[in-house]
Amino acid sequence: MKKVYLLSLLIGFFLFLSCSDTKVIENKPDQNPTAAAVSGYFKKHVLIEDYTGTWCGNCSRVAYAVELMKDETDKAVTVAIHDGNDPYSFNGIGPLKNLISPNQWSLPIARLNRMTVWTFPEPTNIQQAVDLTGNNTTLGLALKSNIVNGTINLDVQMKFLQNYTDLKLVVYLLEDKLYYDQRNYTNYYNGENPIVNFEHNHVLRSSLTNILGDSVIGTNYNSTITKTFSVPIPTNVANSDNINFAAFIVGSDNKVLNARASKANVNQEFEVNP
C-alpha cells in the first residue's frame, strides 16, 4: 500500500508540473472578436497583406477595403506589397509568391493572416477580417524604435502566456505617404481613372527578417523575448519621417498568430488587458 501511495503522489506531482508548464493567467480565454476582454491577456490583431501595383486597375478595390477596415477597427495591421512595373515594386517577393499562390499570380491578391484568402469583393467582406481580431490572446508584441543618424534601431518584444513551438517572427519596414497615380478600373474612389497622386501607405520597403520568418526560440509560458535590429535606412525610402513597422508571428502552418504595427520613434508597451 505504501508503494502505491508513493506512486500516486509521484504521478500527481508530475501532472501538476505538466499543467504548470502550459498554464495561462486564467482559464483559456474566449477569442471571439466580440468577447469581453479578460484581465492579463493581450489584444489580437489581424494582418492584411495586400499584393498590389500602381498599374493594376482592380487593385484599388482592395485598397478601398483596407481603408474601410481601418475605419472599422484599430486591430488591423496592413501591408501593401507592390509587384510588377511599379516604382514601389518589392524585389524580394518571390518566396511569398511561392507560398501563397505558386501556380497563378494575378493581382490583386489579398491575404488575411498571411494564408487566408480575403473573399472577393473585399469591401463587402470586412467582417471576415474583423472576425480574426479579438481581445484575448496568449501572445503579445511590442515595438520600440528610434532613428538616429541614418540608422534604424528597433526592438521587437514578444511575450507568451502559454508554451509555443515552431514559431517564426517576421518584421517589415514600411513607408507611408508615397504619392503616385493609381490605375482604377472600379467604381471605388468615384471611378476616377487614373487616381491622380493616390496616397500609397504601408508600402513594404524592406524585410528585416527572412520574409517567411526567423525562428524564435524559448517561447515558453511567461517568457519574454526581444529581437534587436540595427540597420541603415534603406536607399529606397523616400522620406524617413514616414517609416513605420509591422511585426508578426507565424506558426508552423505559416498562419499569423498575432501582429502589431508601430510608427518609428515610438516605445510601445504590451497591449495587456487591465
C-alpha atoms as a PDB file:
ATOM      1  CA  MET A   1       0.000   0.000   0.000  1.00  0.00           C
ATOM      2  CA  LYS A   2       2.846   2.384   0.830  1.00  0.00           C
ATOM      3  CA  LYS A   3       4.365   1.855  -2.643  1.00  0.00           C
ATOM      4  CA  VAL A   4       1.004   2.512  -4.297  1.00  0.00           C
ATOM      5  CA  TYR A   5       0.574   5.671  -2.198  1.00  0.00           C
ATOM      6  CA  LEU A   6       4.049   6.945  -3.127  1.00  0.00           C
ATOM      7  CA  LEU A   7       3.449   6.134  -6.780  1.00  0.00           C
ATOM      8  CA  SER A   8       0.184   8.094  -6.681  1.00  0.00           C
ATOM      9  CA  LEU A   9       1.972  11.062  -5.157  1.00  0.00           C
ATOM     10  CA  LEU A  10       4.627  10.976  -7.865  1.00  0.00           C
ATOM     11  CA  ILE A  11       2.031  10.783 -10.646  1.00  0.00           C
ATOM     12  CA  GLY A  12       0.136  13.692  -9.098  1.00  0.00           C
ATOM     13  CA  PHE A  13       3.349  15.724  -8.826  1.00  0.00           C
ATOM     14  CA  PHE A  14       4.272  15.213 -12.486  1.00  0.00           C
ATOM     15  CA  LEU A  15       0.738  16.005 -13.592  1.00  0.00           C
ATOM     16  CA  PHE A  16       0.981  19.235 -11.610  1.00  0.00           C
ATOM     17  CA  LEU A  17       4.253  20.121 -13.315  1.00  0.00           C
ATOM     18  CA  SER A  18       2.765  19.341 -16.704  1.00  0.00           C
ATOM     19  CA  CYS A  19      -0.225  21.587 -16.029  1.00  0.00           C
ATOM     20  CA  SER A  20       2.040  24.328 -14.704  1.00  0.00           C
ATOM     21  CA  ASP A  21       4.114  24.303 -17.892  1.00  0.00           C
ATOM     22  CA  THR A  22       1.083  25.125 -20.024  1.00  0.00           C
ATOM     23  CA  LYS A  23      -0.611  27.402 -17.535  1.00  0.00           C
ATOM     24  CA  VAL A  24      -2.080  30.701 -18.646  1.00  0.00           C
ATOM     25  CA  ILE A  25      -3.145  33.545 -16.409  1.00  0.00           C
ATOM     26  CA  GLU A  26      -6.683  32.232 -16.092  1.00  0.00           C
ATOM     27  CA  ASN A  27      -8.777  29.714 -17.988  1.00  0.00           C
ATOM     28  CA  LYS A  28      -8.321  29.617 -21.748  1.00  0.00           C
ATOM     29  CA  PRO A  29      -9.806  32.907 -22.999  1.00  0.00           C
ATOM     30  CA  ASP A  30     -12.662  33.348 -25.417  1.00  0.00           C
ATOM     31  CA  GLN A  31     -11.006  34.559 -28.615  1.00  0.00           C
ATOM     32  CA  ASN A  32     -14.260  35.528 -30.326  1.00  0.00           C
ATOM     33  CA  PRO A  33     -13.848  39.103 -31.636  1.00  0.00           C
ATOM     34  CA  THR A  34     -16.806  40.292 -29.555  1.00  0.00           C
ATOM     35  CA  ALA A  35     -15.742  38.516 -26.355  1.00  0.00           C
ATOM     36  CA  ALA A  36     -15.160  40.723 -23.334  1.00  0.00           C
ATOM     37  CA  ALA A  37     -11.522  41.418 -22.512  1.00  0.00           C
ATOM     38  CA  VAL A  38     -10.098  39.100 -19.861  1.00  0.00           C
ATOM     39  CA  SER A  39      -7.586  40.624 -17.486  1.00  0.00           C
ATOM     40  CA  GLY A  40      -3.994  39.726 -18.262  1.00  0.00           C
ATOM     41  CA  TYR A  41      -4.429  38.678 -21.876  1.00  0.00           C
ATOM     42  CA  PHE A  42      -3.293  40.539 -24.985  1.00  0.00           C
ATOM     43  CA  LYS A  43      -5.184  42.222 -27.803  1.00  0.00           C
ATOM     44  CA  LYS A  44      -5.239  40.252 -31.051  1.00  0.00           C
ATOM     45  CA  HIS A  45      -4.633  41.950 -34.403  1.00  0.00           C
ATOM     46  CA  VAL A  46      -5.241  40.709 -37.935  1.00  0.00           C
ATOM     47  CA  LEU A  47      -2.555  41.037 -40.610  1.00  0.00           C
ATOM     48  CA  ILE A  48      -3.688  42.149 -44.070  1.00  0.00           C
ATOM     49  CA  GLU A  49      -1.168  41.658 -46.861  1.00  0.00           C
ATOM     50  CA  ASP A  50      -2.312  43.493 -49.980  1.00  0.00           C
ATOM     51  CA  TYR A  51      -0.427  42.396 -53.108  1.00  0.00           C
ATOM     52  CA  THR A  52      -0.855  45.330 -55.418  1.00  0.00           C
ATOM     53  CA  GLY A  53       0.537  47.600 -58.130  1.00  0.00           C
ATOM     54  CA  THR A  54       0.049  51.179 -59.259  1.00  0.00           C
ATOM     55  CA  TRP A  55      -0.548  49.779 -62.761  1.00  0.00           C
ATOM     56  CA  CYS A  56      -3.245  47.362 -61.554  1.00  0.00           C
ATOM     57  CA  GLY A  57      -6.705  48.788 -62.227  1.00  0.00           C
ATOM     58  CA  ASN A  58      -8.533  46.396 -59.909  1.00  0.00           C
ATOM     59  CA  CYS A  59      -6.093  46.779 -57.032  1.00  0.00           C
ATOM     60  CA  SER A  60      -7.886  49.935 -55.920  1.00  0.00           C
ATOM     61  CA  ARG A  61     -10.689  47.637 -54.764  1.00  0.00           C
ATOM     62  CA  VAL A  62      -8.500  46.092 -52.060  1.00  0.00           C
ATOM     63  CA  ALA A  63      -7.032  49.483 -51.161  1.00  0.00           C
ATOM     64  CA  TYR A  64     -10.578  50.708 -50.553  1.00  0.00           C
ATOM     65  CA  ALA A  65     -11.323  47.642 -48.412  1.00  0.00           C
ATOM     66  CA  VAL A  66      -8.223  48.352 -46.332  1.00  0.00           C
ATOM     67  CA  GLU A  67      -9.488  51.885 -45.696  1.00  0.00           C
ATOM     68  CA  LEU A  68     -12.872  50.511 -44.620  1.00  0.00           C
ATOM     69  CA  MET A  69     -11.140  48.065 -42.316  1.00  0.00           C
ATOM     70  CA  LYS A  70      -9.198  50.872 -40.667  1.00  0.00           C
ATOM     71  CA  ASP A  71     -12.490  52.673 -40.050  1.00  0.00           C
ATOM     72  CA  GLU A  72     -13.979  49.516 -38.546  1.00  0.00           C
ATOM     73  CA  THR A  73     -11.242  48.535 -36.082  1.00  0.00           C
ATOM     74  CA  ASP A  74      -7.871  49.596 -34.725  1.00  0.00           C
ATOM     75  CA  LYS A  75      -6.748  45.947 -34.661  1.00  0.00           C
ATOM     76  CA  ALA A  76      -5.690  45.735 -38.319  1.00  0.00           C
ATOM     77  CA  VAL A  77      -2.042  45.634 -39.382  1.00  0.00           C
ATOM     78  CA  THR A  78      -1.849  46.360 -43.112  1.00  0.00           C
ATOM     79  CA  VAL A  79       0.971  45.905 -45.604  1.00  0.00           C
ATOM     80  CA  ALA A  80       0.991  46.842 -49.299  1.00  0.00           C
ATOM     81  CA  ILE A  81       3.371  44.617 -51.272  1.00  0.00           C
ATOM     82  CA  HIS A  82       3.871  46.075 -54.739  1.00  0.00           C
ATOM     83  CA  ASP A  83       4.836  43.967 -57.731  1.00  0.00           C
ATOM     84  CA  GLY A  84       5.404  44.436 -61.440  1.00  0.00           C
ATOM     85  CA  ASN A  85       6.251  47.593 -63.375  1.00  0.00           C
ATOM     86  CA  ASP A  86       5.836  49.810 -60.356  1.00  0.00           C
ATOM     87  CA  PRO A  87       8.025  52.421 -58.632  1.00  0.00           C
ATOM     88  CA  TYR A  88       7.449  50.657 -55.304  1.00  0.00           C
ATOM     89  CA  SER A  89       7.908  47.081 -56.530  1.00  0.00           C
ATOM     90  CA  PHE A  90       9.391  44.835 -53.826  1.00  0.00           C
ATOM     91  CA  ASN A  91      12.251  42.774 -55.226  1.00  0.00           C
ATOM     92  CA  GLY A  92      12.071  40.042 -52.591  1.00  0.00           C
ATOM     93  CA  ILE A  93       8.503  38.990 -53.325  1.00  0.00           C
ATOM     94  CA  GLY A  94       9.443  35.586 -54.794  1.00  0.00           C
ATOM     95  CA  PRO A  95       9.152  33.444 -51.630  1.00  0.00           C
ATOM     96  CA  LEU A  96       5.719  34.929 -50.892  1.00  0.00           C
ATOM     97  CA  LYS A  97       4.517  34.096 -54.401  1.00  0.00           C
ATOM     98  CA  ASN A  98       5.661  30.518 -53.933  1.00  0.00           C
ATOM     99  CA  LEU A  99       3.967  30.327 -50.550  1.00  0.00           C
ATOM    100  CA  ILE A 100       0.533  31.820 -51.164  1.00  0.00           C
ATOM    101  CA  SER A 101      -0.084  31.319 -54.888  1.00  0.00           C
ATOM    102  CA  PRO A 102       2.575  29.182 -56.562  1.00  0.00           C
ATOM    103  CA  ASN A 103       0.569  28.272 -59.647  1.00  0.00           C
ATOM    104  CA  GLN A 104      -1.106  31.541 -60.611  1.00  0.00           C
ATOM    105  CA  TRP A 105      -0.185  35.152 -59.976  1.00  0.00           C
ATOM    106  CA  SER A 106      -2.738  37.746 -60.990  1.00  0.00           C
ATOM    107  CA  LEU A 107      -3.182  40.921 -58.974  1.00  0.00           C
ATOM    108  CA  PRO A 108      -4.924  41.993 -56.851  1.00  0.00           C
ATOM    109  CA  ILE A 109      -4.313  39.345 -54.220  1.00  0.00           C
ATOM    110  CA  ALA A 110      -5.358  39.894 -50.608  1.00  0.00           C
ATOM    111  CA  ARG A 111      -4.494  37.615 -47.709  1.00  0.00           C
ATOM    112  CA  LEU A 112      -5.581  37.694 -44.076  1.00  0.00           C
ATOM    113  CA  ASN A 113      -3.092  36.427 -41.515  1.00  0.00           C
ATOM    114  CA  ARG A 114      -0.894  35.518 -44.476  1.00  0.00           C
ATOM    115  CA  MET A 115      -2.675  32.346 -45.599  1.00  0.00           C
ATOM    116  CA  THR A 116      -6.433  33.095 -45.689  1.00  0.00           C
ATOM    117  CA  VAL A 117      -7.971  34.454 -48.898  1.00  0.00           C
ATOM    118  CA  TRP A 118      -9.873  37.671 -48.264  1.00  0.00           C
ATOM    119  CA  THR A 119     -13.114  36.852 -50.025  1.00  0.00           C
ATOM    120  CA  PHE A 120     -13.992  38.832 -53.147  1.00  0.00           C
ATOM    121  CA  PRO A 121     -15.287  41.522 -53.217  1.00  0.00           C
ATOM    122  CA  GLU A 122     -13.212  42.573 -50.224  1.00  0.00           C
ATOM    123  CA  PRO A 123     -15.041  45.863 -49.459  1.00  0.00           C
ATOM    124  CA  THR A 124     -18.237  43.923 -48.750  1.00  0.00           C
ATOM    125  CA  ASN A 125     -16.425  41.293 -46.669  1.00  0.00           C
ATOM    126  CA  ILE A 126     -14.895  43.469 -43.977  1.00  0.00           C
ATOM    127  CA  GLN A 127     -16.425  41.276 -41.289  1.00  0.00           C
ATOM    128  CA  GLN A 128     -14.267  38.353 -42.404  1.00  0.00           C
ATOM    129  CA  ALA A 129     -11.204  40.346 -41.413  1.00  0.00           C
ATOM    130  CA  VAL A 130     -12.776  41.721 -38.221  1.00  0.00           C
ATOM    131  CA  ASP A 131     -13.567  38.153 -37.138  1.00  0.00           C
ATOM    132  CA  LEU A 132      -9.839  37.448 -36.985  1.00  0.00           C
ATOM    133  CA  THR A 133      -9.285  40.121 -34.335  1.00  0.00           C
ATOM    134  CA  GLY A 134     -10.051  39.829 -30.647  1.00  0.00           C
ATOM    135  CA  ASN A 135      -9.475  40.971 -27.094  1.00  0.00           C
ATOM    136  CA  ASN A 136      -7.858  37.844 -25.721  1.00  0.00           C
ATOM    137  CA  THR A 137      -4.786  36.016 -26.909  1.00  0.00           C
ATOM    138  CA  THR A 138      -1.767  34.482 -25.203  1.00  0.00           C
ATOM    139  CA  LEU A 139       0.895  36.049 -27.409  1.00  0.00           C
ATOM    140  CA  GLY A 140       1.789  39.733 -27.201  1.00  0.00           C
ATOM    141  CA  LEU A 141       4.041  42.032 -29.224  1.00  0.00           C
ATOM    142  CA  ALA A 142       5.555  45.447 -28.501  1.00  0.00           C
ATOM    143  CA  LEU A 143       7.856  47.520 -30.707  1.00  0.00           C
ATOM    144  CA  LYS A 144      10.348  50.145 -29.575  1.00  0.00           C
ATOM    145  CA  SER A 145      12.322  52.132 -32.134  1.00  0.00           C
ATOM    146  CA  ASN A 146      14.376  55.198 -32.874  1.00  0.00           C
ATOM    147  CA  ILE A 147      16.141  56.554 -35.936  1.00  0.00           C
ATOM    148  CA  VAL A 148      19.466  58.248 -35.253  1.00  0.00           C
ATOM    149  CA  ASN A 149      21.995  59.486 -37.818  1.00  0.00           C
ATOM    150  CA  GLY A 150      20.550  57.373 -40.610  1.00  0.00           C
ATOM    151  CA  THR A 151      20.381  54.180 -38.541  1.00  0.00           C
ATOM    152  CA  ILE A 152      17.166  52.401 -37.551  1.00  0.00           C
ATOM    153  CA  ASN A 153      17.246  50.788 -34.105  1.00  0.00           C
ATOM    154  CA  LEU A 154      14.306  48.507 -33.421  1.00  0.00           C
ATOM    155  CA  ASP A 155      13.474  46.140 -30.574  1.00  0.00           C
ATOM    156  CA  VAL A 156      10.633  43.668 -31.077  1.00  0.00           C
ATOM    157  CA  GLN A 157       9.451  42.214 -27.785  1.00  0.00           C
ATOM    158  CA  MET A 158       7.376  39.045 -27.617  1.00  0.00           C
ATOM    159  CA  LYS A 159       5.662  37.646 -24.536  1.00  0.00           C
ATOM    160  CA  PHE A 160       3.975  34.262 -24.161  1.00  0.00           C
ATOM    161  CA  LEU A 161       1.252  33.164 -21.734  1.00  0.00           C
ATOM    162  CA  GLN A 162       1.455  29.522 -22.780  1.00  0.00           C
ATOM    163  CA  ASN A 163       4.032  27.217 -24.340  1.00  0.00           C
ATOM    164  CA  TYR A 164       4.521  27.651 -28.075  1.00  0.00           C
ATOM    165  CA  THR A 165       6.691  25.738 -30.546  1.00  0.00           C
ATOM    166  CA  ASP A 166       7.857  26.231 -34.137  1.00  0.00           C
ATOM    167  CA  LEU A 167       7.233  29.968 -34.224  1.00  0.00           C
ATOM    168  CA  LYS A 168       8.778  32.468 -36.626  1.00  0.00           C
ATOM    169  CA  LEU A 169       8.995  36.235 -36.451  1.00  0.00           C
ATOM    170  CA  VAL A 170       8.560  38.478 -39.493  1.00  0.00           C
ATOM    171  CA  VAL A 171       9.459  42.173 -39.291  1.00  0.00           C
ATOM    172  CA  TYR A 172       8.643  44.594 -42.104  1.00  0.00           C
ATOM    173  CA  LEU A 173       9.873  48.132 -42.660  1.00  0.00           C
ATOM    174  CA  LEU A 174       7.107  50.135 -44.335  1.00  0.00           C
ATOM    175  CA  GLU A 175       6.658  53.623 -45.711  1.00  0.00           C
ATOM    176  CA  ASP A 176       3.588  55.877 -45.792  1.00  0.00           C
ATOM    177  CA  LYS A 177       2.616  58.898 -47.889  1.00  0.00           C
ATOM    178  CA  LEU A 178       4.009  57.826 -51.229  1.00  0.00           C
ATOM    179  CA  TYR A 179       2.141  59.668 -53.986  1.00  0.00           C
ATOM    180  CA  TYR A 180       1.776  58.166 -57.431  1.00  0.00           C
ATOM    181  CA  ASP A 181      -1.064  57.797 -59.932  1.00  0.00           C
ATOM    182  CA  GLN A 182      -3.128  54.647 -59.355  1.00  0.00           C
ATOM    183  CA  ARG A 183      -4.862  52.905 -62.252  1.00  0.00           C
ATOM    184  CA  ASN A 184      -8.524  52.300 -61.359  1.00  0.00           C
ATOM    185  CA  TYR A 185     -10.996  50.099 -63.253  1.00  0.00           C
ATOM    186  CA  THR A 186     -13.532  50.073 -60.403  1.00  0.00           C
ATOM    187  CA  ASN A 187     -16.308  52.363 -59.201  1.00  0.00           C
ATOM    188  CA  TYR A 188     -14.415  52.999 -55.965  1.00  0.00           C
ATOM    189  CA  TYR A 189     -12.834  56.431 -55.497  1.00  0.00           C
ATOM    190  CA  ASN A 190     -15.632  57.867 -57.631  1.00  0.00           C
ATOM    191  CA  GLY A 191     -14.459  55.834 -60.602  1.00  0.00           C
ATOM    192  CA  GLU A 192     -11.553  58.202 -61.253  1.00  0.00           C
ATOM    193  CA  ASN A 193      -9.015  56.661 -63.632  1.00  0.00           C
ATOM    194  CA  PRO A 194      -6.235  57.117 -63.000  1.00  0.00           C
ATOM    195  CA  ILE A 195      -6.493  58.319 -59.425  1.00  0.00           C
ATOM    196  CA  VAL A 196      -4.036  61.195 -59.611  1.00  0.00           C
ATOM    197  CA  ASN A 197      -1.418  61.374 -56.832  1.00  0.00           C
ATOM    198  CA  PHE A 198      -3.004  58.487 -54.957  1.00  0.00           C
ATOM    199  CA  GLU A 199      -1.606  58.152 -51.435  1.00  0.00           C
ATOM    200  CA  HIS A 200       0.070  54.776 -51.055  1.00  0.00           C
ATOM    201  CA  ASN A 201       0.536  53.745 -47.434  1.00  0.00           C
ATOM    202  CA  HIS A 202       2.043  50.781 -45.577  1.00  0.00           C
ATOM    203  CA  VAL A 203       4.279  50.107 -48.584  1.00  0.00           C
ATOM    204  CA  LEU A 204       6.777  47.308 -47.966  1.00  0.00           C
ATOM    205  CA  ARG A 205      10.309  48.677 -48.419  1.00  0.00           C
ATOM    206  CA  SER A 206      12.382  46.063 -46.624  1.00  0.00           C
ATOM    207  CA  SER A 207      12.006  42.855 -44.645  1.00  0.00           C
ATOM    208  CA  LEU A 208      14.292  42.957 -41.620  1.00  0.00           C
ATOM    209  CA  THR A 209      13.913  39.191 -41.208  1.00  0.00           C
ATOM    210  CA  ASN A 210      13.608  36.407 -43.719  1.00  0.00           C
ATOM    211  CA  ILE A 211      10.361  37.281 -45.444  1.00  0.00           C
ATOM    212  CA  LEU A 212       8.947  33.905 -44.354  1.00  0.00           C
ATOM    213  CA  GLY A 213      10.199  34.450 -40.815  1.00  0.00           C
ATOM    214  CA  ASP A 214      13.148  33.864 -38.490  1.00  0.00           C
ATOM    215  CA  SER A 215      12.857  31.102 -35.913  1.00  0.00           C
ATOM    216  CA  VAL A 216      12.068  32.188 -32.361  1.00  0.00           C
ATOM    217  CA  ILE A 217      13.484  30.050 -29.557  1.00  0.00           C
ATOM    218  CA  GLY A 218      12.447  29.983 -25.898  1.00  0.00           C
ATOM    219  CA  THR A 219       8.735  30.535 -26.438  1.00  0.00           C
ATOM    220  CA  ASN A 220       7.657  29.094 -23.114  1.00  0.00           C
ATOM    221  CA  TYR A 221       4.967  30.139 -20.675  1.00  0.00           C
ATOM    222  CA  ASN A 222       5.639  33.567 -19.115  1.00  0.00           C
ATOM    223  CA  SER A 223       8.792  34.150 -21.167  1.00  0.00           C
ATOM    224  CA  THR A 224       9.644  37.461 -22.826  1.00  0.00           C
ATOM    225  CA  ILE A 225      11.955  37.526 -25.850  1.00  0.00           C
ATOM    226  CA  THR A 226      13.471  40.568 -27.534  1.00  0.00           C
ATOM    227  CA  LYS A 227      14.831  40.650 -31.072  1.00  0.00           C
ATOM    228  CA  THR A 228      17.032  43.650 -31.830  1.00  0.00           C
ATOM    229  CA  PHE A 229      17.640  45.162 -35.249  1.00  0.00           C
ATOM    230  CA  SER A 230      20.070  47.921 -36.193  1.00  0.00           C
ATOM    231  CA  VAL A 231      20.103  48.738 -39.899  1.00  0.00           C
ATOM    232  CA  PRO A 232      20.753  51.740 -42.124  1.00  0.00           C
ATOM    233  CA  ILE A 233      17.716  53.425 -43.646  1.00  0.00           C
ATOM    234  CA  PRO A 234      17.092  51.581 -46.938  1.00  0.00           C
ATOM    235  CA  THR A 235      18.025  53.578 -50.017  1.00  0.00           C
ATOM    236  CA  ASN A 236      14.532  53.090 -51.485  1.00  0.00           C
ATOM    237  CA  VAL A 237      12.902  55.021 -48.614  1.00  0.00           C
ATOM    238  CA  ALA A 238      11.783  58.417 -49.904  1.00  0.00           C
ATOM    239  CA  ASN A 239      11.236  60.103 -46.523  1.00  0.00           C
ATOM    240  CA  SER A 240      12.471  58.648 -43.247  1.00  0.00           C
ATOM    241  CA  ASP A 241       9.778  60.612 -41.382  1.00  0.00           C
ATOM    242  CA  ASN A 242       7.199  58.246 -42.892  1.00  0.00           C
ATOM    243  CA  ILE A 243       8.835  54.983 -41.842  1.00  0.00           C
ATOM    244  CA  ASN A 244       6.747  52.542 -39.831  1.00  0.00           C
ATOM    245  CA  PHE A 245       6.951  48.882 -38.913  1.00  0.00           C
ATOM    246  CA  ALA A 246       4.863  45.726 -38.876  1.00  0.00           C
ATOM    247  CA  ALA A 247       5.866  42.690 -36.823  1.00  0.00           C
ATOM    248  CA  PHE A 248       4.012  39.406 -36.681  1.00  0.00           C
ATOM    249  CA  ILE A 249       4.475  35.836 -35.522  1.00  0.00           C
ATOM    250  CA  VAL A 250       3.571  32.808 -37.626  1.00  0.00           C
ATOM    251  CA  GLY A 251       3.155  29.188 -36.643  1.00  0.00           C
ATOM    252  CA  SER A 252       4.421  26.094 -38.456  1.00  0.00           C
ATOM    253  CA  ASP A 253       1.477  26.418 -40.871  1.00  0.00           C
ATOM    254  CA  ASN A 254       2.585  29.989 -41.775  1.00  0.00           C
ATOM    255  CA  LYS A 255      -0.627  31.424 -40.313  1.00  0.00           C
ATOM    256  CA  VAL A 256      -0.260  34.593 -38.252  1.00  0.00           C
ATOM    257  CA  LEU A 257      -0.940  34.250 -34.532  1.00  0.00           C
ATOM    258  CA  ASN A 258      -0.677  37.946 -33.730  1.00  0.00           C
ATOM    259  CA  ALA A 259       0.648  41.135 -35.304  1.00  0.00           C
ATOM    260  CA  ARG A 260       1.498  44.669 -34.276  1.00  0.00           C
ATOM    261  CA  ALA A 261       2.144  47.907 -36.166  1.00  0.00           C
ATOM    262  CA  SER A 262       4.133  50.887 -34.996  1.00  0.00           C
ATOM    263  CA  LYS A 263       5.361  54.217 -36.269  1.00  0.00           C
ATOM    264  CA  ALA A 264       9.057  54.994 -35.957  1.00  0.00           C
ATOM    265  CA  ASN A 265      10.424  56.590 -32.771  1.00  0.00           C
ATOM    266  CA  VAL A 266       7.693  55.078 -30.610  1.00  0.00           C
ATOM    267  CA  ASN A 267       8.142  52.935 -27.492  1.00  0.00           C
ATOM    268  CA  GLN A 268       5.203  50.572 -27.240  1.00  0.00           C
ATOM    269  CA  GLU A 269       4.079  48.542 -24.257  1.00  0.00           C
ATOM    270  CA  PHE A 270       2.336  45.194 -24.490  1.00  0.00           C
ATOM    271  CA  GLU A 271      -1.402  45.575 -25.070  1.00  0.00           C
ATOM    272  CA  VAL A 272      -2.412  43.806 -21.855  1.00  0.00           C
ATOM    273  CA  ASN A 273      -5.993  43.853 -20.654  1.00  0.00           C
ATOM    274  CA  PRO A 274      -6.232  45.519 -17.235  1.00  0.00           C
END
